[in-house]
C-alpha cells in the first residue's frame, strides 16, 4: 500500500504566504497560494498510489480524488508527524509550496525498493518532500525537528541517518516563500496555474519586481 500526502492550509488572506506581502496584497498572496495548492494537488493526482490524502488546516477546498483529514493542533513538526502516524503504509508527504513538482519524482518514491526514506531538499535549507517506509511511531523522526529554519533539512536528515535508514535524495526544488522565489518557480513551470496567475498580477502592475 502507498499514500501520497499533501500538507496544506486554507488560503485565507493575511494567514497564508504572508512573506509575499509586500509586494503582493494579502488577497493576491492568498490567490497565489490557492493556485500553488491546485497545481500541487493536480500533480499528486497523477501519481499511482493506493491513497491520496489532503492533510488540511481549515475549510478544505474541493478535493476530488483525495481523502481529506484535518490536521491536529500543534507545531508544524507535530502536524507532519501526525500525518505519517495516521497512515500505515509507505507514504510521501509534500507541501503546497512547490507547484512545479514533477509527478514522476513522487512516483519514483513509491516504486523504489532500494531505500527506506526519501528526502527532497529545498533551496532554502528546508525540505519539500519526505518519503518514509512504515516503522513503529515513524512520526517521532519528525517531532522536535526545528521547522521553517535553514537547519530544518540538516536536522531532518540527521534523524533519518541516526535511525539507520537508507536515504535516497530527491532533486532540490525552490519553494515559494518570497516574490523572487515565486518568479523563479513560475519560470521553471510556465504551464502551471501558479505561473499564469503570477503573470496576470505582474501585467496588472500591482506588484513590484
N, C-alpha and C. Protein backbone atom coordinates (compact mmCIF):
# COMPACT_ATOMS: atom_id res chain seq x y z
N UNK A 1 0.84 -1.19 0.00
CA UNK A 1 0.00 0.00 0.00
C UNK A 1 0.88 1.25 0.00
N UNK A 2 0.39 2.29 -0.67
CA UNK A 2 1.15 3.53 -0.77
C UNK A 2 0.20 4.72 -0.62
N UNK A 3 0.75 5.81 -0.07
CA UNK A 3 -0.05 7.02 0.14
C UNK A 3 0.75 8.24 -0.26
N UNK A 4 0.09 9.16 -0.97
CA UNK A 4 0.63 10.49 -1.22
C UNK A 4 -0.12 11.46 -0.31
N UNK A 5 0.63 12.23 0.48
CA UNK A 5 0.04 13.18 1.42
C UNK A 5 0.39 14.59 0.97
N UNK A 6 -0.62 15.44 0.82
CA UNK A 6 -0.40 16.86 0.56
C UNK A 6 -0.75 17.62 1.84
N UNK A 7 0.24 18.30 2.38
CA UNK A 7 0.08 19.10 3.60
C UNK A 7 -0.27 20.53 3.19
N UNK A 8 -1.40 21.05 3.66
CA UNK A 8 -1.84 22.36 3.18
C UNK A 8 -2.73 23.01 4.23
N UNK A 9 -2.96 24.30 4.01
CA UNK A 9 -3.88 25.03 4.87
C UNK A 9 -4.75 25.95 4.03
N UNK A 10 -5.84 26.41 4.63
CA UNK A 10 -6.79 27.26 3.93
C UNK A 10 -6.10 28.54 3.46
N UNK A 11 -6.43 28.93 2.24
CA UNK A 11 -5.77 30.09 1.62
C UNK A 11 -6.55 31.36 1.97
N UNK A 12 -6.39 31.79 3.20
CA UNK A 12 -7.10 32.95 3.75
C UNK A 12 -6.18 34.17 3.72
N UNK A 13 -6.60 35.27 3.12
CA UNK A 13 -5.75 36.46 3.10
C UNK A 13 -5.28 36.86 4.50
N UNK A 14 -4.00 37.15 4.60
CA UNK A 14 -3.43 37.53 5.88
C UNK A 14 -2.97 36.37 6.73
N UNK A 15 -3.31 35.13 6.31
CA UNK A 15 -2.91 33.95 7.09
C UNK A 15 -2.04 32.99 6.30
N UNK A 16 -1.89 33.23 5.01
CA UNK A 16 -1.14 32.31 4.17
C UNK A 16 -0.22 33.13 3.27
N UNK A 17 1.00 32.60 3.07
CA UNK A 17 2.01 33.24 2.21
C UNK A 17 2.20 34.72 2.58
N UNK A 18 2.32 34.98 3.87
CA UNK A 18 2.46 36.36 4.33
C UNK A 18 3.79 36.98 3.91
N UNK A 19 4.79 36.14 3.62
CA UNK A 19 6.08 36.70 3.20
C UNK A 19 6.06 37.18 1.75
N UNK A 20 4.95 36.94 1.05
CA UNK A 20 4.76 37.54 -0.28
C UNK A 20 4.20 38.96 -0.19
N UNK A 21 3.88 39.38 1.03
CA UNK A 21 3.25 40.69 1.26
C UNK A 21 4.19 41.58 2.07
N UNK A 22 4.66 42.72 1.48
CA UNK A 22 4.61 43.07 0.07
C UNK A 22 5.63 42.23 -0.72
N UNK A 23 5.60 42.34 -2.04
CA UNK A 23 4.94 43.32 -2.88
C UNK A 23 3.47 43.02 -3.18
N UNK A 24 3.01 41.78 -2.94
CA UNK A 24 1.63 41.45 -3.26
C UNK A 24 0.72 41.83 -2.10
N UNK A 25 -0.53 42.07 -2.39
CA UNK A 25 -1.50 42.31 -1.33
C UNK A 25 -1.82 40.97 -0.65
N UNK A 26 -2.40 41.01 0.54
CA UNK A 26 -2.79 39.75 1.18
C UNK A 26 -3.73 38.91 0.32
N UNK A 27 -4.63 39.58 -0.40
CA UNK A 27 -5.57 38.84 -1.26
C UNK A 27 -4.83 38.18 -2.43
N UNK A 28 -3.88 38.89 -3.00
CA UNK A 28 -3.10 38.32 -4.10
C UNK A 28 -2.23 37.17 -3.61
N UNK A 29 -1.63 37.33 -2.44
CA UNK A 29 -0.81 36.26 -1.89
C UNK A 29 -1.65 35.01 -1.63
N UNK A 30 -2.86 35.20 -1.14
CA UNK A 30 -3.76 34.07 -0.90
C UNK A 30 -4.16 33.40 -2.21
N UNK A 31 -4.39 34.19 -3.24
CA UNK A 31 -4.73 33.63 -4.55
C UNK A 31 -3.56 32.84 -5.12
N UNK A 32 -2.34 33.34 -4.95
CA UNK A 32 -1.17 32.59 -5.40
C UNK A 32 -1.03 31.28 -4.63
N UNK A 33 -1.30 31.32 -3.34
CA UNK A 33 -1.25 30.10 -2.54
C UNK A 33 -2.28 29.08 -3.03
N UNK A 34 -3.47 29.56 -3.34
CA UNK A 34 -4.52 28.66 -3.83
C UNK A 34 -4.13 28.05 -5.17
N UNK A 35 -3.50 28.85 -6.03
CA UNK A 35 -3.05 28.32 -7.33
C UNK A 35 -1.96 27.28 -7.12
N UNK A 36 -1.03 27.56 -6.21
CA UNK A 36 0.03 26.60 -5.93
C UNK A 36 -0.54 25.29 -5.38
N UNK A 37 -1.53 25.40 -4.51
CA UNK A 37 -2.16 24.20 -3.96
C UNK A 37 -2.86 23.41 -5.06
N UNK A 38 -3.57 24.10 -5.94
CA UNK A 38 -4.26 23.41 -7.03
C UNK A 38 -3.27 22.68 -7.94
N UNK A 39 -2.14 23.34 -8.25
CA UNK A 39 -1.12 22.68 -9.07
C UNK A 39 -0.52 21.48 -8.35
N UNK A 40 -0.26 21.62 -7.06
CA UNK A 40 0.32 20.52 -6.29
C UNK A 40 -0.62 19.32 -6.25
N UNK A 41 -1.90 19.60 -6.01
CA UNK A 41 -2.86 18.51 -5.96
C UNK A 41 -3.02 17.85 -7.33
N UNK A 42 -2.97 18.63 -8.39
CA UNK A 42 -3.06 18.05 -9.74
C UNK A 42 -1.89 17.13 -10.02
N UNK A 43 -0.69 17.54 -9.59
CA UNK A 43 0.49 16.69 -9.76
C UNK A 43 0.36 15.42 -8.93
N UNK A 44 -0.10 15.57 -7.69
CA UNK A 44 -0.22 14.40 -6.81
C UNK A 44 -1.25 13.40 -7.34
N UNK A 45 -2.32 13.90 -7.96
CA UNK A 45 -3.33 13.01 -8.52
C UNK A 45 -2.76 12.12 -9.61
N UNK A 46 -1.73 12.58 -10.28
CA UNK A 46 -1.14 11.81 -11.39
C UNK A 46 -0.23 10.69 -10.88
N UNK A 47 0.02 10.66 -9.59
CA UNK A 47 0.87 9.61 -9.01
C UNK A 47 0.01 8.37 -8.76
N UNK A 48 0.51 7.22 -9.18
CA UNK A 48 -0.21 5.97 -8.95
C UNK A 48 0.03 5.54 -7.51
N UNK A 49 -0.98 5.74 -6.69
CA UNK A 49 -0.89 5.39 -5.27
C UNK A 49 -2.23 4.80 -4.85
N UNK A 50 -2.20 4.06 -3.75
CA UNK A 50 -3.44 3.47 -3.26
C UNK A 50 -4.35 4.52 -2.61
N UNK A 51 -3.71 5.59 -2.12
CA UNK A 51 -4.50 6.62 -1.44
C UNK A 51 -3.84 7.98 -1.65
N UNK A 52 -4.68 8.99 -1.82
CA UNK A 52 -4.24 10.37 -1.90
C UNK A 52 -4.92 11.11 -0.74
N UNK A 53 -4.11 11.65 0.16
CA UNK A 53 -4.60 12.24 1.40
C UNK A 53 -4.27 13.73 1.44
N UNK A 54 -5.29 14.57 1.63
CA UNK A 54 -5.10 16.00 1.84
C UNK A 54 -5.14 16.25 3.34
N UNK A 55 -3.99 16.56 3.91
CA UNK A 55 -3.84 16.79 5.36
C UNK A 55 -3.98 18.29 5.56
N UNK A 56 -5.19 18.73 5.95
CA UNK A 56 -5.57 20.12 5.78
C UNK A 56 -5.81 20.83 7.11
N UNK A 57 -5.52 22.13 7.10
CA UNK A 57 -5.79 23.01 8.23
C UNK A 57 -6.81 24.05 7.77
N UNK A 58 -8.05 23.90 8.21
CA UNK A 58 -9.09 24.85 7.83
C UNK A 58 -10.15 24.20 6.97
N UNK A 59 -10.98 25.05 6.36
CA UNK A 59 -12.06 24.57 5.49
C UNK A 59 -11.45 24.13 4.16
N UNK A 60 -11.55 22.84 3.87
CA UNK A 60 -10.88 22.27 2.71
C UNK A 60 -11.58 22.65 1.42
N UNK A 61 -10.80 22.85 0.34
CA UNK A 61 -11.40 23.11 -0.97
C UNK A 61 -11.94 21.82 -1.57
N UNK A 62 -12.51 21.92 -2.76
CA UNK A 62 -12.88 20.71 -3.47
C UNK A 62 -11.65 19.84 -3.67
N UNK A 63 -11.76 18.58 -3.36
CA UNK A 63 -10.57 17.72 -3.34
C UNK A 63 -10.86 16.40 -4.02
N UNK A 64 -11.36 16.46 -5.25
CA UNK A 64 -11.66 15.24 -5.98
C UNK A 64 -10.47 14.30 -6.03
N UNK A 65 -10.70 13.05 -5.65
CA UNK A 65 -9.64 12.06 -5.66
C UNK A 65 -8.84 11.99 -4.38
N UNK A 66 -9.08 12.91 -3.46
CA UNK A 66 -8.36 12.94 -2.18
C UNK A 66 -9.29 12.62 -1.02
N UNK A 67 -8.77 11.90 -0.05
CA UNK A 67 -9.39 11.83 1.26
C UNK A 67 -8.91 13.04 2.04
N UNK A 68 -9.83 13.75 2.69
CA UNK A 68 -9.47 14.96 3.43
C UNK A 68 -9.50 14.66 4.92
N UNK A 69 -8.43 15.03 5.61
CA UNK A 69 -8.36 14.89 7.06
C UNK A 69 -7.83 16.18 7.64
N UNK A 70 -8.37 16.57 8.79
CA UNK A 70 -7.94 17.80 9.44
C UNK A 70 -6.67 17.58 10.26
N UNK A 71 -5.74 18.51 10.10
CA UNK A 71 -4.53 18.47 10.90
C UNK A 71 -4.87 18.68 12.38
N UNK A 72 -4.13 18.04 13.28
CA UNK A 72 -4.33 18.29 14.70
C UNK A 72 -3.68 19.62 15.10
N UNK A 73 -3.93 20.05 16.31
CA UNK A 73 -3.27 21.23 16.83
C UNK A 73 -1.79 20.92 17.07
N UNK A 74 -1.00 21.98 17.16
CA UNK A 74 0.42 21.78 17.45
C UNK A 74 1.30 22.46 16.43
N UNK A 75 2.59 22.41 16.68
CA UNK A 75 3.55 22.98 15.76
C UNK A 75 3.62 22.20 14.47
N UNK A 76 4.34 22.77 13.50
CA UNK A 76 4.41 22.12 12.19
C UNK A 76 5.02 20.73 12.30
N UNK A 77 6.03 20.56 13.15
CA UNK A 77 6.64 19.24 13.31
C UNK A 77 5.62 18.23 13.82
N UNK A 78 4.78 18.64 14.76
CA UNK A 78 3.76 17.74 15.30
C UNK A 78 2.72 17.38 14.25
N UNK A 79 2.36 18.35 13.42
CA UNK A 79 1.33 18.10 12.41
C UNK A 79 1.84 17.20 11.29
N UNK A 80 3.11 17.38 10.93
CA UNK A 80 3.70 16.47 9.93
C UNK A 80 3.84 15.07 10.52
N UNK A 81 4.32 14.99 11.75
CA UNK A 81 4.46 13.69 12.41
C UNK A 81 3.13 12.96 12.48
N UNK A 82 2.07 13.70 12.80
CA UNK A 82 0.74 13.07 12.90
C UNK A 82 0.28 12.54 11.56
N UNK A 83 0.65 13.22 10.48
CA UNK A 83 0.26 12.73 9.15
C UNK A 83 0.89 11.36 8.88
N UNK A 84 2.17 11.22 9.20
CA UNK A 84 2.82 9.92 8.98
C UNK A 84 2.27 8.86 9.92
N UNK A 85 1.94 9.24 11.14
CA UNK A 85 1.39 8.26 12.08
C UNK A 85 -0.03 7.85 11.72
N UNK A 86 -0.71 8.68 10.91
CA UNK A 86 -2.10 8.39 10.55
C UNK A 86 -2.23 7.34 9.46
N UNK A 87 -1.13 7.02 8.77
CA UNK A 87 -1.17 6.02 7.71
C UNK A 87 -0.17 4.92 8.04
N UNK A 88 -0.45 3.72 7.56
CA UNK A 88 0.38 2.58 7.95
C UNK A 88 1.07 1.93 6.76
N UNK A 89 1.31 2.73 5.71
CA UNK A 89 1.99 2.19 4.54
C UNK A 89 3.09 3.15 4.12
N UNK A 90 3.76 2.84 3.02
CA UNK A 90 4.76 3.78 2.51
C UNK A 90 4.06 5.07 2.12
N UNK A 91 4.61 6.18 2.57
CA UNK A 91 3.98 7.47 2.32
C UNK A 91 5.01 8.50 1.91
N UNK A 92 4.62 9.37 1.01
CA UNK A 92 5.43 10.52 0.65
C UNK A 92 4.59 11.76 0.89
N UNK A 93 5.16 12.71 1.63
CA UNK A 93 4.46 13.93 2.02
C UNK A 93 5.10 15.11 1.32
N UNK A 94 4.27 15.97 0.75
CA UNK A 94 4.74 17.22 0.15
C UNK A 94 3.86 18.35 0.66
N UNK A 95 4.41 19.56 0.61
CA UNK A 95 3.65 20.74 0.98
C UNK A 95 3.00 21.35 -0.24
N UNK A 96 2.47 22.55 -0.06
CA UNK A 96 1.77 23.25 -1.13
C UNK A 96 2.63 24.35 -1.74
N UNK A 97 3.94 24.32 -1.47
CA UNK A 97 4.84 25.41 -1.86
C UNK A 97 5.65 25.12 -3.11
N UNK A 98 5.45 23.97 -3.75
CA UNK A 98 6.24 23.61 -4.93
C UNK A 98 5.31 23.21 -6.07
N UNK A 99 4.61 24.19 -6.66
CA UNK A 99 3.68 23.85 -7.74
C UNK A 99 4.37 23.30 -8.98
N UNK A 100 5.69 23.41 -9.03
CA UNK A 100 6.45 22.88 -10.18
C UNK A 100 6.81 21.42 -10.03
N UNK A 101 6.33 20.76 -8.98
CA UNK A 101 6.73 19.38 -8.71
C UNK A 101 6.40 18.46 -9.89
N UNK A 102 7.32 17.56 -10.17
CA UNK A 102 7.15 16.58 -11.25
C UNK A 102 6.53 15.31 -10.65
N UNK A 103 5.36 14.90 -11.10
CA UNK A 103 4.76 13.68 -10.55
C UNK A 103 5.67 12.47 -10.66
N UNK A 104 6.53 12.43 -11.68
CA UNK A 104 7.43 11.28 -11.85
C UNK A 104 8.39 11.15 -10.68
N UNK A 105 8.78 12.27 -10.08
CA UNK A 105 9.68 12.21 -8.92
C UNK A 105 8.95 11.58 -7.73
N UNK A 106 7.71 11.97 -7.52
CA UNK A 106 6.94 11.37 -6.44
C UNK A 106 6.68 9.90 -6.72
N UNK A 107 6.41 9.57 -7.96
CA UNK A 107 6.18 8.17 -8.32
C UNK A 107 7.41 7.33 -8.03
N UNK A 108 8.59 7.91 -8.24
CA UNK A 108 9.83 7.16 -8.02
C UNK A 108 9.99 6.76 -6.56
N UNK A 109 9.44 7.57 -5.66
CA UNK A 109 9.50 7.22 -4.23
C UNK A 109 8.67 5.96 -3.98
N UNK A 110 7.48 5.93 -4.52
CA UNK A 110 6.58 4.81 -4.25
C UNK A 110 7.01 3.53 -4.95
N UNK A 111 7.82 3.66 -6.00
CA UNK A 111 8.25 2.49 -6.77
C UNK A 111 9.63 1.98 -6.38
N UNK A 112 10.33 2.66 -5.48
CA UNK A 112 11.72 2.38 -5.16
C UNK A 112 11.81 1.45 -3.96
N UNK A 113 12.42 0.26 -4.14
CA UNK A 113 12.60 -0.67 -3.03
C UNK A 113 14.05 -0.71 -2.54
N UNK A 114 14.86 0.25 -2.96
CA UNK A 114 16.27 0.26 -2.57
C UNK A 114 16.56 1.23 -1.43
N UNK A 115 15.52 1.86 -0.86
CA UNK A 115 15.71 2.81 0.23
C UNK A 115 14.58 2.65 1.23
N UNK A 116 14.76 3.29 2.40
CA UNK A 116 13.74 3.30 3.44
C UNK A 116 13.13 4.68 3.62
N UNK A 117 13.86 5.71 3.14
CA UNK A 117 13.43 7.09 3.30
C UNK A 117 13.87 7.87 2.07
N UNK A 118 13.10 8.90 1.73
CA UNK A 118 13.37 9.71 0.54
C UNK A 118 13.26 11.17 0.96
N UNK A 119 14.30 11.94 0.63
CA UNK A 119 14.41 13.31 1.15
C UNK A 119 14.56 14.29 -0.01
N UNK A 120 13.63 15.23 -0.11
CA UNK A 120 13.67 16.25 -1.15
C UNK A 120 14.09 17.58 -0.57
N UNK A 121 15.34 17.98 -0.75
CA UNK A 121 15.81 19.24 -0.15
C UNK A 121 15.24 20.46 -0.85
N UNK A 122 15.02 21.50 -0.09
CA UNK A 122 14.61 22.79 -0.64
C UNK A 122 15.82 23.72 -0.64
N UNK A 123 15.80 24.66 -1.57
CA UNK A 123 16.95 25.56 -1.74
C UNK A 123 17.19 26.44 -0.51
N UNK A 124 16.18 26.63 0.32
CA UNK A 124 16.34 27.49 1.50
C UNK A 124 16.83 26.76 2.73
N UNK A 125 17.19 25.49 2.57
CA UNK A 125 17.69 24.71 3.70
C UNK A 125 16.65 23.82 4.34
N UNK A 126 15.42 23.91 3.90
CA UNK A 126 14.38 23.02 4.41
C UNK A 126 14.22 21.81 3.51
N UNK A 127 13.01 21.28 3.45
CA UNK A 127 12.73 20.19 2.52
C UNK A 127 11.32 20.36 1.97
N UNK A 128 11.16 19.87 0.74
CA UNK A 128 9.85 19.98 0.07
C UNK A 128 9.13 18.65 0.03
N UNK A 129 9.83 17.55 0.21
CA UNK A 129 9.20 16.23 0.19
C UNK A 129 9.92 15.31 1.15
N UNK A 130 9.15 14.43 1.77
CA UNK A 130 9.73 13.41 2.64
C UNK A 130 8.93 12.13 2.45
N UNK A 131 9.63 11.06 2.12
CA UNK A 131 9.00 9.75 2.00
C UNK A 131 9.54 8.83 3.07
N UNK A 132 8.67 8.02 3.66
CA UNK A 132 9.07 7.10 4.72
C UNK A 132 8.35 5.77 4.56
N UNK A 133 9.11 4.69 4.72
CA UNK A 133 8.50 3.37 4.83
C UNK A 133 7.88 3.23 6.22
N UNK A 134 6.92 2.32 6.38
CA UNK A 134 6.28 2.17 7.68
C UNK A 134 7.24 1.61 8.72
N UNK A 135 7.31 2.29 9.86
CA UNK A 135 8.04 1.83 11.04
C UNK A 135 7.21 2.24 12.24
N UNK A 136 7.39 1.59 13.39
CA UNK A 136 6.63 2.00 14.57
C UNK A 136 6.90 3.46 14.93
N UNK A 137 5.85 4.22 15.11
CA UNK A 137 5.94 5.63 15.52
C UNK A 137 6.95 6.40 14.65
N UNK A 138 6.78 6.25 13.35
CA UNK A 138 7.73 6.95 12.47
C UNK A 138 7.60 8.46 12.57
N UNK A 139 6.48 8.94 13.07
CA UNK A 139 6.34 10.38 13.28
C UNK A 139 7.38 10.93 14.25
N UNK A 140 7.92 10.06 15.11
CA UNK A 140 8.95 10.53 16.05
C UNK A 140 10.23 10.94 15.34
N UNK A 141 10.39 10.52 14.07
CA UNK A 141 11.53 11.00 13.29
C UNK A 141 11.43 12.49 13.02
N UNK A 142 10.23 13.05 13.11
CA UNK A 142 9.99 14.45 12.78
C UNK A 142 9.75 15.30 14.02
N UNK A 143 9.13 14.74 15.03
CA UNK A 143 8.81 15.53 16.22
C UNK A 143 10.08 16.13 16.83
N UNK A 144 10.03 17.43 17.08
CA UNK A 144 11.17 18.11 17.67
C UNK A 144 12.16 18.69 16.68
N UNK A 145 12.00 18.37 15.39
CA UNK A 145 12.87 18.98 14.38
C UNK A 145 12.47 20.44 14.22
N UNK A 146 13.43 21.37 14.23
CA UNK A 146 13.08 22.79 14.04
C UNK A 146 12.57 23.03 12.63
N UNK A 147 11.39 23.60 12.52
CA UNK A 147 10.77 23.82 11.22
C UNK A 147 10.95 25.27 10.78
N UNK A 148 10.79 25.49 9.47
CA UNK A 148 10.90 26.83 8.87
C UNK A 148 12.21 27.49 9.26
N UNK A 149 13.27 26.71 9.18
CA UNK A 149 14.60 27.16 9.57
C UNK A 149 15.61 26.69 8.53
N UNK A 150 16.72 27.42 8.35
CA UNK A 150 17.77 26.93 7.45
C UNK A 150 18.37 25.61 7.90
N UNK A 151 18.09 25.21 9.15
CA UNK A 151 18.61 23.95 9.69
C UNK A 151 17.63 22.80 9.56
N UNK A 152 16.43 23.07 9.05
CA UNK A 152 15.40 22.03 9.00
C UNK A 152 15.87 20.81 8.21
N UNK A 153 16.43 21.03 7.04
CA UNK A 153 16.86 19.91 6.20
C UNK A 153 17.96 19.10 6.86
N UNK A 154 18.98 19.79 7.38
CA UNK A 154 20.10 19.10 8.03
C UNK A 154 19.62 18.30 9.23
N UNK A 155 18.75 18.91 10.03
CA UNK A 155 18.25 18.22 11.23
C UNK A 155 17.41 17.01 10.86
N UNK A 156 16.59 17.14 9.83
CA UNK A 156 15.76 16.00 9.41
C UNK A 156 16.63 14.86 8.89
N UNK A 157 17.60 15.19 8.05
CA UNK A 157 18.50 14.15 7.54
C UNK A 157 19.23 13.45 8.67
N UNK A 158 19.66 14.21 9.67
CA UNK A 158 20.36 13.62 10.80
C UNK A 158 19.47 12.61 11.52
N UNK A 159 18.19 12.94 11.67
CA UNK A 159 17.25 12.00 12.31
C UNK A 159 17.16 10.71 11.49
N UNK A 160 17.06 10.85 10.18
CA UNK A 160 16.90 9.66 9.33
C UNK A 160 18.14 8.78 9.39
N UNK A 161 19.31 9.39 9.33
CA UNK A 161 20.55 8.61 9.36
C UNK A 161 20.77 7.97 10.74
N UNK A 162 20.45 8.71 11.80
CA UNK A 162 20.60 8.17 13.15
C UNK A 162 19.71 6.95 13.35
N UNK A 163 18.55 6.96 12.69
CA UNK A 163 17.63 5.82 12.79
C UNK A 163 18.08 4.64 11.95
N UNK A 164 19.18 4.80 11.23
CA UNK A 164 19.71 3.70 10.42
C UNK A 164 18.99 3.49 9.11
N UNK A 165 18.27 4.50 8.64
CA UNK A 165 17.52 4.35 7.40
C UNK A 165 18.40 4.57 6.18
N UNK A 166 18.11 3.85 5.13
CA UNK A 166 18.75 4.08 3.83
C UNK A 166 18.00 5.22 3.17
N UNK A 167 18.69 6.34 2.95
CA UNK A 167 18.04 7.56 2.47
C UNK A 167 18.43 7.81 1.02
N UNK A 168 17.44 8.05 0.18
CA UNK A 168 17.71 8.47 -1.20
C UNK A 168 17.30 9.92 -1.36
N UNK A 169 18.21 10.71 -1.96
CA UNK A 169 17.93 12.12 -2.18
C UNK A 169 17.08 12.32 -3.43
N UNK A 170 16.13 13.21 -3.33
CA UNK A 170 15.33 13.66 -4.47
C UNK A 170 15.91 14.98 -4.98
N UNK A 171 15.52 15.42 -6.16
CA UNK A 171 16.04 16.69 -6.67
C UNK A 171 15.71 17.87 -5.75
N UNK A 172 16.62 18.81 -5.67
CA UNK A 172 16.36 20.03 -4.91
C UNK A 172 15.38 20.92 -5.68
N UNK A 173 14.42 21.49 -4.95
CA UNK A 173 13.47 22.42 -5.54
C UNK A 173 13.45 23.73 -4.76
N UNK A 174 13.01 24.77 -5.42
CA UNK A 174 12.75 26.05 -4.77
C UNK A 174 11.30 26.06 -4.31
N UNK A 175 11.07 26.38 -3.04
CA UNK A 175 9.68 26.52 -2.62
C UNK A 175 9.34 28.01 -2.52
N UNK A 176 8.06 28.29 -2.59
CA UNK A 176 7.59 29.67 -2.72
C UNK A 176 7.36 30.27 -1.35
N UNK A 177 8.22 31.20 -0.97
CA UNK A 177 8.01 31.99 0.23
C UNK A 177 8.04 33.48 -0.08
N UNK A 178 8.98 33.90 -0.93
CA UNK A 178 9.15 35.30 -1.25
C UNK A 178 8.89 35.52 -2.75
N UNK A 179 8.78 36.80 -3.13
CA UNK A 179 8.42 37.14 -4.51
C UNK A 179 9.46 36.62 -5.50
N UNK A 180 10.75 36.73 -5.17
CA UNK A 180 11.78 36.26 -6.09
C UNK A 180 11.66 34.76 -6.31
N UNK A 181 11.34 34.01 -5.26
CA UNK A 181 11.16 32.57 -5.39
C UNK A 181 9.91 32.26 -6.22
N UNK A 182 8.86 33.05 -6.03
CA UNK A 182 7.65 32.84 -6.82
C UNK A 182 7.95 32.98 -8.31
N UNK A 183 8.73 33.97 -8.66
CA UNK A 183 9.05 34.18 -10.07
C UNK A 183 9.97 33.10 -10.60
N UNK A 184 10.88 32.61 -9.77
CA UNK A 184 11.76 31.52 -10.21
C UNK A 184 10.95 30.25 -10.45
N UNK A 185 10.00 29.97 -9.58
CA UNK A 185 9.16 28.78 -9.74
C UNK A 185 8.29 28.92 -10.98
N UNK A 186 7.71 30.09 -11.19
CA UNK A 186 6.87 30.30 -12.37
C UNK A 186 7.66 30.13 -13.65
N UNK A 187 8.92 30.60 -13.66
CA UNK A 187 9.75 30.44 -14.85
C UNK A 187 10.08 28.98 -15.10
N UNK A 188 10.22 28.20 -14.03
CA UNK A 188 10.54 26.79 -14.18
C UNK A 188 9.33 25.96 -14.60
N UNK A 189 8.13 26.46 -14.33
CA UNK A 189 6.90 25.71 -14.65
C UNK A 189 5.88 26.66 -15.25
N UNK A 190 6.11 27.14 -16.46
CA UNK A 190 5.25 28.18 -17.04
C UNK A 190 3.84 27.71 -17.36
N UNK A 191 3.60 26.41 -17.41
CA UNK A 191 2.27 25.91 -17.76
C UNK A 191 1.35 25.76 -16.55
N UNK A 192 1.81 26.12 -15.37
CA UNK A 192 1.02 25.93 -14.17
C UNK A 192 0.02 27.06 -13.96
N UNK A 193 -1.00 26.78 -13.14
CA UNK A 193 -1.93 27.83 -12.73
C UNK A 193 -1.19 28.94 -12.01
N UNK A 194 -0.23 28.53 -11.19
CA UNK A 194 0.56 29.49 -10.41
C UNK A 194 1.25 30.49 -11.33
N UNK A 195 1.92 29.98 -12.37
CA UNK A 195 2.64 30.86 -13.29
C UNK A 195 1.68 31.78 -14.03
N UNK A 196 0.53 31.26 -14.43
CA UNK A 196 -0.44 32.08 -15.16
C UNK A 196 -0.96 33.22 -14.28
N UNK A 197 -1.26 32.92 -13.03
CA UNK A 197 -1.76 33.95 -12.14
C UNK A 197 -0.68 34.99 -11.85
N UNK A 198 0.54 34.54 -11.61
CA UNK A 198 1.62 35.47 -11.34
C UNK A 198 1.82 36.41 -12.54
N UNK A 199 1.75 35.87 -13.73
CA UNK A 199 1.90 36.69 -14.93
C UNK A 199 0.79 37.74 -15.02
N UNK A 200 -0.44 37.34 -14.68
CA UNK A 200 -1.55 38.31 -14.71
C UNK A 200 -1.34 39.43 -13.68
N UNK A 201 -0.88 39.04 -12.50
CA UNK A 201 -0.63 40.07 -11.48
C UNK A 201 0.48 41.01 -11.89
N UNK A 202 1.52 40.45 -12.49
CA UNK A 202 2.61 41.30 -12.94
C UNK A 202 2.19 42.23 -14.07
N UNK A 203 1.37 41.70 -14.99
CA UNK A 203 0.89 42.55 -16.08
C UNK A 203 0.01 43.68 -15.56
N UNK A 204 -0.73 43.39 -14.48
CA UNK A 204 -1.58 44.41 -13.91
C UNK A 204 -0.78 45.48 -13.17
N UNK A 205 0.48 45.17 -12.90
CA UNK A 205 1.35 46.15 -12.25
C UNK A 205 1.06 46.36 -10.78
N UNK A 206 0.42 45.38 -10.15
CA UNK A 206 0.08 45.54 -8.73
C UNK A 206 1.19 45.14 -7.81
N UNK A 207 2.23 44.48 -8.35
CA UNK A 207 3.36 44.05 -7.51
C UNK A 207 4.64 44.49 -8.17
N UNK A 208 5.52 45.02 -7.38
CA UNK A 208 6.83 45.44 -7.89
C UNK A 208 7.71 44.24 -8.13
N UNK A 209 8.64 44.35 -9.06
CA UNK A 209 9.56 43.26 -9.33
C UNK A 209 10.56 43.11 -8.21
